[in-house]
Amino acid sequence: MEIRQLTCICCPMGCSLQVRQKDGGVEVAGNRCRRGAVYGEKEVTNPVRTVTTTVRLKGGGVVPVKTRGEIPKGKMMEIVKELKALEVKEPVHIGETVLEDAAGTGVPVVATACG
């Protein structure tokens, strides 16, 4: 039975979590709030992330972007590579989709500022 040590990222407290998978379930200790327990369980069973980066604009410059939802942690680098190869035409508006389906996850990537 492996115990994973994690630092919770759900709030500023940064609790030190001890997460153990046992009997088909997950046991989380060290959390000071319910969000920490949810985070610890999710992190060992199905880790997900929101990707934030920038995309190049045709003619120069960049625009900040992020995934509209969480994506599987294992797809992060694939998405970053797709975005690195992407170049979008101005004008770009906040909330505008710049990539429809990031790495086959079904999650779009949207602009977070105007460009």
Protein backbone atom coordinates (compact mmCIF):
# COMPACT_ATOMS: atom_id res chain seq x y z
CA MET A 1 0.00 0.00 0.00
CA GLU A 2 1.75 3.14 -1.26
CA ILE A 3 1.36 6.47 0.53
CA ARG A 4 1.82 9.53 -1.64
CA GLN A 5 2.90 12.83 -0.12
CA LEU A 6 1.25 15.82 -1.85
CA THR A 7 0.96 19.53 -1.24
CA CYS A 8 -2.60 20.68 -1.74
CA ILE A 9 -2.99 23.52 -4.27
CA CYS A 10 -6.68 24.27 -3.68
CA CYS A 11 -6.19 27.21 -1.33
CA PRO A 12 -3.38 29.33 0.17
CA MET A 13 -2.90 27.01 3.19
CA GLY A 14 -0.93 24.45 1.12
CA CYS A 15 -1.69 21.49 3.38
CA SER A 16 0.67 18.51 3.37
CA LEU A 17 -1.46 15.56 2.33
CA GLN A 18 -0.83 11.87 2.81
CA VAL A 19 -2.88 9.92 0.28
CA ARG A 20 -3.26 6.16 0.44
CA GLN A 21 -5.18 3.90 -1.95
CA LYS A 22 -6.70 0.95 -0.17
CA ASP A 23 -9.56 -1.49 -0.66
CA GLY A 24 -10.63 0.15 -3.93
CA GLY A 25 -10.88 3.56 -2.26
CA VAL A 26 -8.68 6.47 -1.33
CA GLU A 27 -7.88 7.74 2.16
CA VAL A 28 -6.62 11.33 2.52
CA ALA A 29 -5.05 12.72 5.71
CA GLY A 30 -3.52 16.11 6.51
CA ASN A 31 -6.15 18.23 4.81
CA ARG A 32 -7.72 21.09 6.78
CA CYS A 33 -10.73 21.47 4.49
CA ARG A 34 -12.95 19.32 2.29
CA ARG A 35 -11.36 20.67 -0.89
CA GLY A 36 -8.04 19.12 0.15
CA ALA A 37 -9.62 15.69 0.48
CA VAL A 38 -11.22 16.01 -2.96
CA TYR A 39 -7.93 17.24 -4.48
CA GLY A 40 -5.90 14.40 -2.92
CA GLU A 41 -8.28 11.71 -4.14
CA LYS A 42 -8.49 13.19 -7.64
CA GLU A 43 -4.71 13.61 -7.88
CA VAL A 44 -4.02 9.91 -7.35
CA THR A 45 -6.99 8.53 -9.33
CA ASN A 46 -7.38 10.95 -12.27
CA PRO A 47 -4.97 13.92 -12.21
CA VAL A 48 -6.10 16.88 -14.32
CA ARG A 49 -4.75 20.36 -15.03
CA THR A 50 -5.65 23.65 -16.68
CA VAL A 51 -3.03 24.66 -19.25
CA THR A 52 -2.13 28.35 -19.49
CA THR A 53 0.39 29.70 -22.00
CA THR A 54 0.62 32.09 -24.94
CA VAL A 55 -0.02 31.73 -28.67
CA ARG A 56 1.77 33.68 -31.39
CA LEU A 57 -0.10 36.30 -33.37
CA LYS A 58 0.44 36.60 -37.13
CA GLY A 59 2.51 39.71 -37.65
CA GLY A 60 4.17 39.51 -34.22
CA GLY A 61 3.26 39.45 -30.59
CA VAL A 62 1.47 36.91 -28.44
CA VAL A 63 -1.91 36.48 -26.77
CA PRO A 64 -2.40 34.63 -23.45
CA VAL A 65 -4.61 31.52 -23.60
CA LYS A 66 -5.88 28.72 -21.37
CA THR A 67 -7.87 25.53 -21.63
CA ARG A 68 -11.55 26.18 -20.99
CA GLY A 69 -11.66 23.17 -18.66
CA GLU A 70 -9.40 20.65 -17.05
CA ILE A 71 -7.51 18.18 -19.21
CA PRO A 72 -5.76 14.91 -18.29
CA LYS A 73 -2.32 15.69 -16.85
CA GLY A 74 -0.73 13.28 -19.35
CA LYS A 75 -1.96 15.42 -22.28
CA MET A 76 -0.31 18.65 -21.11
CA MET A 77 2.83 18.47 -23.24
CA GLU A 78 0.87 17.43 -26.33
CA ILE A 79 -1.37 20.48 -25.92
CA VAL A 80 1.59 22.80 -25.37
CA LYS A 81 3.20 21.48 -28.59
CA GLU A 82 -0.04 22.11 -30.53
CA LEU A 83 -0.20 25.65 -29.17
CA LYS A 84 3.47 26.32 -29.90
CA ALA A 85 2.83 25.51 -33.58
CA LEU A 86 -0.32 27.65 -33.68
CA GLU A 87 -0.42 31.20 -35.03
CA VAL A 88 -3.67 33.18 -34.84
CA LYS A 89 -4.84 36.19 -36.80
CA GLU A 90 -5.72 39.45 -35.06
CA PRO A 91 -8.01 40.66 -33.70
CA VAL A 92 -8.46 38.11 -30.92
CA HIS A 93 -11.01 38.79 -28.18
CA ILE A 94 -11.27 37.54 -24.60
CA GLY A 95 -13.03 34.18 -24.55
CA GLU A 96 -12.51 33.55 -28.26
CA THR A 97 -11.65 29.94 -29.10
CA VAL A 98 -8.19 29.65 -30.65
CA LEU A 99 -8.06 25.83 -30.67
CA GLU A 100 -11.30 23.82 -30.83
CA ASP A 101 -10.17 20.41 -29.49
CA ALA A 102 -6.89 20.42 -27.57
CA ALA A 103 -5.04 17.13 -28.19
CA GLY A 104 -8.26 15.22 -28.76
CA THR A 105 -9.55 15.95 -25.25
CA GLY A 106 -12.67 17.79 -26.43
CA VAL A 107 -11.57 20.82 -24.41
CA PRO A 108 -11.17 24.11 -26.29
CA VAL A 109 -8.39 26.64 -25.72
CA VAL A 110 -9.54 30.25 -25.36
CA ALA A 111 -7.90 33.67 -25.32
CA THR A 112 -7.70 35.31 -21.90
CA ALA A 113 -6.90 38.81 -23.21
CA CYS A 114 -7.29 40.76 -26.43
CA GLY A 115 -4.61 40.58 -29.04
